[in-house]
Each structure stands twice: as structure tokens, then as C-alpha cells.
Amino acid sequence: MEQRWTPHGSEVIDPTLLQGLAILSKANGRSVVEELNNAVSVYLAQELPLKLGEDGLALLIGEMHERGQITRA
């Protein structure tokens, strides 16, 4: 069963998820924003190919390269 989160009031991010990001950010020496961006990037890299095929993943990677968010190893 898929779990869905419904915001209450002005909440945008589930407080528990935000706490998890804060813990990761401290452990990794990065900001919460960097951890959130990393988490979303990983999620998109996993989900786009499933929803849009490999072309969707190639589009995402191309845009991330253009923005300097990722570089080739």
C-alpha cells in the first residue's frame, strides 16, 4: 500500500522527513538543501526511466549537467 502524505496548514515537507534530512546533512557536512536536492535527484533518476523510459533519464542528466549539478567522473 502506497503511503501518501497530506500537508497540514503551511507545511510543505513532512517534519519527520525534514528531521531525517537534518541528520544526514550534519553527518555528511552538507546543508539540508543539499541533502534535499540529492534525495530528489536520486528519486528522479530512479523514477523517470520507469515513467518516461530511458529518454526521460537522458533528459534529466543533460539538464543537470547544464546546470552544473553533476559532472562526469
N, C-alpha and C. Protein backbone atom coordinates (compact mmCIF):
# COMPACT_ATOMS: atom_id res chain seq x y z
N MET A 1 0.84 -1.17 0.00
CA MET A 1 0.00 0.00 0.00
C MET A 1 0.89 1.24 0.00
N GLU A 2 0.60 2.15 -0.92
CA GLU A 2 1.40 3.37 -1.03
C GLU A 2 1.01 4.35 0.06
N GLN A 3 2.02 4.90 0.73
CA GLN A 3 1.75 5.88 1.78
C GLN A 3 1.77 7.27 1.16
N ARG A 4 0.75 8.04 1.43
CA ARG A 4 0.70 9.42 0.93
C ARG A 4 0.68 10.36 2.11
N TRP A 5 1.35 11.47 1.94
CA TRP A 5 1.43 12.47 2.99
C TRP A 5 0.61 13.67 2.58
N THR A 6 -0.23 14.14 3.48
CA THR A 6 -1.05 15.32 3.22
C THR A 6 -0.57 16.44 4.11
N PRO A 7 -0.18 17.58 3.51
CA PRO A 7 0.30 18.70 4.33
C PRO A 7 -0.81 19.27 5.20
N HIS A 8 -0.42 19.75 6.35
CA HIS A 8 -1.34 20.40 7.27
C HIS A 8 -0.94 21.85 7.40
N GLY A 9 -1.88 22.75 7.21
CA GLY A 9 -1.57 24.17 7.32
C GLY A 9 -0.56 24.59 6.27
N SER A 10 0.54 25.18 6.72
CA SER A 10 1.55 25.69 5.79
C SER A 10 2.71 24.73 5.59
N GLU A 11 2.63 23.50 6.11
CA GLU A 11 3.71 22.54 5.95
C GLU A 11 3.89 22.16 4.48
N VAL A 12 5.14 22.13 4.05
CA VAL A 12 5.45 21.71 2.69
C VAL A 12 6.16 20.37 2.71
N ILE A 13 7.01 20.17 3.71
CA ILE A 13 7.77 18.93 3.86
C ILE A 13 7.36 18.27 5.17
N ASP A 14 7.14 16.97 5.11
CA ASP A 14 6.82 16.20 6.31
C ASP A 14 7.90 16.46 7.35
N PRO A 15 7.53 16.86 8.57
CA PRO A 15 8.52 17.16 9.61
C PRO A 15 9.48 16.01 9.89
N THR A 16 9.00 14.77 9.82
CA THR A 16 9.88 13.62 10.05
C THR A 16 10.93 13.51 8.95
N LEU A 17 10.52 13.74 7.71
CA LEU A 17 11.48 13.72 6.61
C LEU A 17 12.49 14.85 6.75
N LEU A 18 12.04 16.00 7.18
CA LEU A 18 12.93 17.13 7.38
C LEU A 18 13.96 16.83 8.47
N GLN A 19 13.53 16.16 9.53
CA GLN A 19 14.47 15.76 10.59
C GLN A 19 15.51 14.78 10.05
N GLY A 20 15.06 13.85 9.22
CA GLY A 20 15.99 12.91 8.61
C GLY A 20 17.01 13.61 7.73
N LEU A 21 16.56 14.60 6.97
CA LEU A 21 17.48 15.39 6.15
C LEU A 21 18.48 16.15 7.01
N ALA A 22 18.01 16.67 8.14
CA ALA A 22 18.90 17.40 9.05
C ALA A 22 19.97 16.48 9.61
N ILE A 23 19.60 15.26 9.96
CA ILE A 23 20.57 14.29 10.48
C ILE A 23 21.60 13.95 9.41
N LEU A 24 21.11 13.68 8.18
CA LEU A 24 22.04 13.38 7.09
C LEU A 24 22.96 14.55 6.78
N SER A 25 22.41 15.75 6.80
CA SER A 25 23.23 16.92 6.48
C SER A 25 24.36 17.10 7.49
N LYS A 26 24.06 16.88 8.76
CA LYS A 26 25.09 17.00 9.79
C LYS A 26 26.13 15.90 9.62
N ALA A 27 25.69 14.69 9.38
CA ALA A 27 26.61 13.56 9.23
C ALA A 27 27.50 13.71 8.00
N ASN A 28 26.96 14.31 6.94
CA ASN A 28 27.70 14.43 5.68
C ASN A 28 28.39 15.78 5.50
N GLY A 29 28.18 16.70 6.44
CA GLY A 29 28.80 18.01 6.33
C GLY A 29 28.23 18.85 5.20
N ARG A 30 26.95 18.64 4.90
CA ARG A 30 26.29 19.41 3.84
C ARG A 30 25.08 20.11 4.44
N SER A 31 24.53 21.04 3.67
CA SER A 31 23.34 21.74 4.13
C SER A 31 22.10 20.85 3.93
N VAL A 32 21.03 21.21 4.60
CA VAL A 32 19.76 20.48 4.43
C VAL A 32 19.30 20.61 2.98
N VAL A 33 19.50 21.78 2.39
CA VAL A 33 19.11 22.00 0.99
C VAL A 33 19.88 21.05 0.07
N GLU A 34 21.19 20.89 0.32
CA GLU A 34 21.99 19.97 -0.49
C GLU A 34 21.48 18.54 -0.34
N GLU A 35 21.16 18.14 0.87
CA GLU A 35 20.64 16.79 1.10
C GLU A 35 19.28 16.60 0.42
N LEU A 36 18.44 17.61 0.48
CA LEU A 36 17.14 17.52 -0.19
C LEU A 36 17.33 17.40 -1.69
N ASN A 37 18.21 18.22 -2.26
CA ASN A 37 18.48 18.15 -3.69
C ASN A 37 19.03 16.78 -4.08
N ASN A 38 19.94 16.23 -3.27
CA ASN A 38 20.47 14.90 -3.54
C ASN A 38 19.37 13.85 -3.50
N ALA A 39 18.51 13.93 -2.49
CA ALA A 39 17.43 12.95 -2.35
C ALA A 39 16.48 13.01 -3.54
N VAL A 40 16.13 14.22 -3.96
CA VAL A 40 15.21 14.37 -5.09
C VAL A 40 15.88 13.90 -6.38
N SER A 41 17.17 14.20 -6.55
CA SER A 41 17.90 13.75 -7.74
C SER A 41 17.91 12.23 -7.84
N VAL A 42 18.18 11.56 -6.72
CA VAL A 42 18.19 10.09 -6.71
C VAL A 42 16.80 9.56 -7.04
N TYR A 43 15.78 10.15 -6.44
CA TYR A 43 14.41 9.71 -6.69
C TYR A 43 14.05 9.86 -8.17
N LEU A 44 14.38 11.01 -8.75
CA LEU A 44 14.07 11.24 -10.16
C LEU A 44 14.84 10.28 -11.06
N ALA A 45 16.10 10.03 -10.73
CA ALA A 45 16.90 9.11 -11.53
C ALA A 45 16.32 7.70 -11.51
N GLN A 46 15.67 7.34 -10.41
CA GLN A 46 15.04 6.02 -10.30
C GLN A 46 13.68 5.99 -11.00
N GLU A 47 12.90 7.04 -10.83
CA GLU A 47 11.52 7.04 -11.30
C GLU A 47 11.34 7.44 -12.76
N LEU A 48 12.15 8.38 -13.26
CA LEU A 48 11.96 8.83 -14.63
C LEU A 48 12.07 7.71 -15.66
N PRO A 49 13.07 6.85 -15.55
CA PRO A 49 13.12 5.77 -16.54
C PRO A 49 11.89 4.87 -16.49
N LEU A 50 11.33 4.68 -15.30
CA LEU A 50 10.14 3.85 -15.17
C LEU A 50 8.93 4.50 -15.81
N LYS A 51 8.84 5.83 -15.68
CA LYS A 51 7.67 6.54 -16.18
C LYS A 51 7.84 7.01 -17.62
N LEU A 52 9.06 7.45 -17.98
CA LEU A 52 9.29 8.05 -19.30
C LEU A 52 10.25 7.26 -20.17
N GLY A 53 10.77 6.17 -19.65
CA GLY A 53 11.76 5.40 -20.39
C GLY A 53 13.14 6.02 -20.26
N GLU A 54 14.09 5.43 -20.94
CA GLU A 54 15.48 5.90 -20.85
C GLU A 54 15.63 7.32 -21.37
N ASP A 55 14.78 7.76 -22.30
CA ASP A 55 14.86 9.13 -22.81
C ASP A 55 14.62 10.14 -21.70
N GLY A 56 13.73 9.83 -20.77
CA GLY A 56 13.47 10.72 -19.64
C GLY A 56 14.68 10.87 -18.75
N LEU A 57 15.39 9.77 -18.52
CA LEU A 57 16.61 9.82 -17.72
C LEU A 57 17.69 10.62 -18.44
N ALA A 58 17.84 10.42 -19.75
CA ALA A 58 18.84 11.16 -20.52
C ALA A 58 18.54 12.66 -20.47
N LEU A 59 17.28 13.03 -20.55
CA LEU A 59 16.88 14.44 -20.47
C LEU A 59 17.25 15.02 -19.12
N LEU A 60 16.95 14.30 -18.04
CA LEU A 60 17.29 14.77 -16.70
C LEU A 60 18.79 14.94 -16.53
N ILE A 61 19.57 13.96 -16.95
CA ILE A 61 21.02 14.03 -16.81
C ILE A 61 21.58 15.19 -17.62
N GLY A 62 21.09 15.39 -18.83
CA GLY A 62 21.54 16.50 -19.66
C GLY A 62 21.28 17.84 -19.00
N GLU A 63 20.09 18.02 -18.44
CA GLU A 63 19.76 19.27 -17.76
C GLU A 63 20.60 19.47 -16.51
N MET A 64 20.87 18.40 -15.78
CA MET A 64 21.68 18.51 -14.57
C MET A 64 23.12 18.89 -14.93
N HIS A 65 23.64 18.36 -16.04
CA HIS A 65 24.98 18.73 -16.49
C HIS A 65 25.02 20.21 -16.85
N GLU A 66 24.01 20.69 -17.56
CA GLU A 66 23.96 22.09 -17.96
C GLU A 66 23.94 23.03 -16.76
N ARG A 67 23.28 22.63 -15.70
CA ARG A 67 23.19 23.46 -14.50
C ARG A 67 24.40 23.29 -13.59
N GLY A 68 25.30 22.39 -13.94
CA GLY A 68 26.48 22.15 -13.11
C GLY A 68 26.19 21.36 -11.86
N GLN A 69 25.03 20.70 -11.82
CA GLN A 69 24.66 19.93 -10.64
C GLN A 69 25.40 18.61 -10.57
N ILE A 70 25.80 18.09 -11.73
CA ILE A 70 26.59 16.87 -11.76
C ILE A 70 27.68 17.04 -12.80
N THR A 71 28.76 16.33 -12.61
CA THR A 71 29.86 16.34 -13.58
C THR A 71 30.23 14.90 -13.88
N ARG A 72 30.86 14.71 -14.99
CA ARG A 72 31.28 13.35 -15.36
C ARG A 72 32.50 12.97 -14.56
N ALA A 73 32.54 11.72 -14.15
CA ALA A 73 33.69 11.22 -13.38
C ALA A 73 34.84 10.87 -14.29
